[in-house]
Amino acid sequence: MKKVNFDIKYKEKIINGSAKVFHGENPVRIICWDRKGNYPIVGLRMDGSGSLETVVTISEDGHLHIDGLGINSRTVHIYMSDDEKFDFTKLKAFTPVLARTGDHQTWFPHFFESFHPDNRWGEFYMIDDQHSFYRYSQCVPYEGNEHLLRTQDPIPEYYKLER
């Protein structure tokens, strides 16, 4: 397991259980992702004894706040498997994604259509508003990867397909 700072880009991994959130050594169970305000993530932080959960709020970049106690800290982190990979079969048609044909290409926005791991021309099919489809060899969900838009940054390991 590797330890990384909390970041909203790991939301999918947290939701599917392949990543666990902690504040210090205390586990935090996320119960809401869209609370209004500067701390949109709501969690339940287990105390050291394991017998009491305290409501905490977390910003998208990992600042934790405990109402009433005035505690504000940046010690929220995530444990996740080093070899965990994204399951592209769970993407639904018309999900917003970023796609490209190779490592030195630019990431552009598209709508996901389907995943074809055995197709030699490209594993991901995208569809546009004219009902045309395109094939790409690299794809990442747009949500959590907005920083890649119109860049040539490398594909995150989590989304790399084994070839």
Protein backbone atom coordinates (compact mmCIF):
# COMPACT_ATOMS: atom_id res chain seq x y z
CA MET A 1 0.00 0.00 0.00
CA LYS A 2 1.20 3.48 -0.78
CA LYS A 3 0.36 6.65 1.13
CA VAL A 4 -0.57 9.83 -0.78
CA ASN A 5 -1.99 13.20 0.21
CA PHE A 6 -5.75 13.49 -0.09
CA ASP A 7 -6.92 14.75 -3.47
CA ILE A 8 -10.39 14.79 -5.05
CA LYS A 9 -8.95 13.00 -8.11
CA TYR A 10 -8.98 9.80 -6.02
CA LYS A 11 -12.74 10.04 -5.45
CA GLU A 12 -13.56 7.00 -7.64
CA LYS A 13 -11.01 4.85 -5.81
CA ILE A 14 -12.38 5.96 -2.44
CA ILE A 15 -15.96 5.23 -3.51
CA ASN A 16 -15.12 1.76 -4.86
CA GLY A 17 -13.13 0.90 -1.72
CA SER A 18 -9.71 0.50 -3.33
CA ALA A 19 -8.42 3.55 -1.40
CA LYS A 20 -8.92 4.35 2.29
CA VAL A 21 -8.95 7.85 3.82
CA PHE A 22 -7.14 8.61 7.10
CA HIS A 23 -6.55 11.62 9.35
CA GLY A 24 -3.30 10.79 11.11
CA GLU A 25 -3.78 7.16 12.13
CA ASN A 26 -7.57 7.49 12.33
CA PRO A 27 -9.76 6.15 9.49
CA VAL A 28 -12.27 8.56 7.92
CA ARG A 29 -15.43 7.19 6.29
CA ILE A 30 -16.66 9.59 3.55
CA ILE A 31 -20.45 9.98 3.59
CA CYS A 32 -21.02 13.00 1.31
CA TRP A 33 -19.11 14.59 -1.60
CA ASP A 34 -21.26 17.65 -2.40
CA ARG A 35 -21.92 19.66 0.78
CA LYS A 36 -22.28 23.40 0.06
CA GLY A 37 -19.33 25.56 1.14
CA ASN A 38 -15.52 25.46 1.28
CA TYR A 39 -15.45 21.95 2.77
CA PRO A 40 -17.75 19.93 0.47
CA ILE A 41 -16.68 16.47 1.64
CA VAL A 42 -18.24 15.14 4.84
CA GLY A 43 -16.75 12.22 6.69
CA LEU A 44 -16.90 10.32 9.96
CA ARG A 45 -13.51 10.16 11.69
CA MET A 46 -12.98 7.21 14.04
CA ASP A 47 -11.31 8.15 17.32
CA GLY A 48 -8.24 6.37 18.67
CA SER A 49 -10.28 3.98 20.80
CA GLY A 50 -12.38 2.83 17.84
CA SER A 51 -15.61 3.52 19.68
CA LEU A 52 -16.65 7.03 18.55
CA GLU A 53 -16.98 8.70 15.16
CA THR A 54 -16.74 12.49 14.88
CA VAL A 55 -18.19 14.44 11.96
CA VAL A 56 -15.46 16.14 9.92
CA THR A 57 -15.49 18.20 6.75
CA ILE A 58 -12.72 18.13 4.15
CA SER A 59 -11.82 20.52 1.32
CA GLU A 60 -11.16 19.12 -2.16
CA ASP A 61 -7.41 19.49 -1.58
CA GLY A 62 -7.46 17.67 1.76
CA HIS A 63 -7.80 20.29 4.50
CA LEU A 64 -9.78 18.77 7.37
CA HIS A 65 -12.02 20.77 9.72
CA ILE A 66 -13.77 19.56 12.85
CA ASP A 67 -16.70 21.84 13.70
CA GLY A 68 -16.80 23.08 17.27
CA LEU A 69 -13.19 22.16 17.98
CA GLY A 70 -11.55 24.64 15.62
CA ILE A 71 -9.23 21.91 14.33
CA ASN A 72 -7.96 22.65 10.86
CA SER A 73 -5.23 20.37 9.49
CA ARG A 74 -3.64 19.12 6.28
CA THR A 75 -2.90 15.61 7.53
CA VAL A 76 -5.62 13.86 5.54
CA HIS A 77 -4.11 11.14 3.37
CA ILE A 78 -5.09 8.07 1.39
CA TYR A 79 -3.75 4.53 1.41
CA MET A 80 -4.12 2.63 -1.83
CA SER A 81 -2.67 -0.37 -3.58
CA ASP A 82 0.42 0.28 -5.72
CA ASP A 83 -0.84 -1.91 -8.53
CA GLU A 84 -4.52 -0.91 -8.52
CA LYS A 85 -5.86 -0.09 -12.00
CA PHE A 86 -9.01 1.71 -13.14
CA ASP A 87 -11.80 -0.59 -14.34
CA PHE A 88 -12.82 0.86 -17.71
CA THR A 89 -15.70 -1.61 -18.03
CA LYS A 90 -17.52 0.49 -15.40
CA LEU A 91 -17.58 3.62 -17.60
CA LYS A 92 -21.04 4.34 -18.96
CA ALA A 93 -21.83 5.70 -22.42
CA PHE A 94 -21.68 9.51 -22.65
CA THR A 95 -19.41 9.84 -19.59
CA PRO A 96 -17.16 12.92 -20.07
CA VAL A 97 -13.55 11.77 -20.63
CA LEU A 98 -10.21 12.99 -21.92
CA ALA A 99 -8.69 10.91 -24.72
CA ARG A 100 -5.70 10.81 -27.04
CA THR A 101 -3.95 8.43 -29.43
CA GLY A 102 -0.51 8.27 -27.79
CA ASP A 103 1.94 9.52 -25.18
CA HIS A 104 3.01 12.62 -27.12
CA GLN A 105 -0.49 13.73 -28.12
CA THR A 106 -2.71 16.35 -26.46
CA TRP A 107 -5.59 15.35 -24.15
CA PHE A 108 -8.95 16.49 -25.60
CA PRO A 109 -12.48 16.23 -24.15
CA HIS A 110 -14.87 13.61 -25.53
CA PHE A 111 -17.87 11.51 -24.56
CA PHE A 112 -17.09 7.88 -23.86
CA GLU A 113 -18.96 5.37 -26.04
CA SER A 114 -17.46 1.93 -25.35
CA PHE A 115 -14.35 -0.01 -24.35
CA HIS A 116 -12.84 -2.66 -26.65
CA PRO A 117 -9.72 -4.16 -25.09
CA ASP A 118 -9.12 -6.62 -27.96
CA ASN A 119 -9.28 -4.10 -30.83
CA ARG A 120 -5.82 -3.53 -32.31
CA TRP A 121 -6.67 0.00 -33.58
CA GLY A 122 -7.59 1.47 -30.22
CA GLU A 123 -9.33 0.36 -27.08
CA PHE A 124 -11.66 3.32 -26.52
CA TYR A 125 -14.48 4.53 -28.77
CA MET A 126 -15.75 8.08 -28.38
CA ILE A 127 -18.84 9.65 -29.85
CA ASP A 128 -19.51 13.29 -30.67
CA ASP A 129 -22.68 15.35 -31.02
CA GLN A 130 -22.84 14.44 -34.73
CA HIS A 131 -23.01 10.72 -33.88
CA SER A 132 -19.55 10.12 -35.35
CA PHE A 133 -17.21 7.87 -33.43
CA TYR A 134 -13.45 7.94 -32.95
CA ARG A 135 -10.91 5.45 -31.61
CA TYR A 136 -8.26 6.27 -29.00
CA SER A 137 -5.62 4.27 -27.17
CA GLN A 138 -5.62 6.37 -23.98
CA CYS A 139 -8.59 7.52 -21.96
CA VAL A 140 -9.18 8.96 -18.47
CA PRO A 141 -12.40 10.16 -16.84
CA TYR A 142 -12.62 13.96 -17.05
CA GLU A 143 -13.67 14.27 -13.40
CA GLY A 144 -10.56 14.29 -11.26
CA ASN A 145 -8.26 14.74 -14.27
CA GLU A 146 -9.26 18.24 -15.37
CA HIS A 147 -5.61 19.33 -15.06
CA LEU A 148 -4.73 17.16 -18.11
CA LEU A 149 -7.08 19.04 -20.48
CA ARG A 150 -5.18 20.36 -23.54
CA THR A 151 -1.81 19.22 -22.16
CA GLN A 152 0.57 16.46 -23.23
CA ASP A 153 1.15 15.35 -19.65
CA PRO A 154 1.70 11.62 -19.14
CA ILE A 155 -1.21 9.31 -18.45
CA PRO A 156 -1.49 8.54 -14.71
CA GLU A 157 -0.34 4.99 -13.89
CA TYR A 158 -3.78 4.18 -12.48
CA TYR A 159 -5.28 4.51 -16.00
CA LYS A 160 -2.54 2.79 -18.03
CA LEU A 161 -3.63 -0.37 -19.81
CA GLU A 162 -1.36 -3.41 -19.70
CA ARG A 163 -0.37 -4.24 -23.27
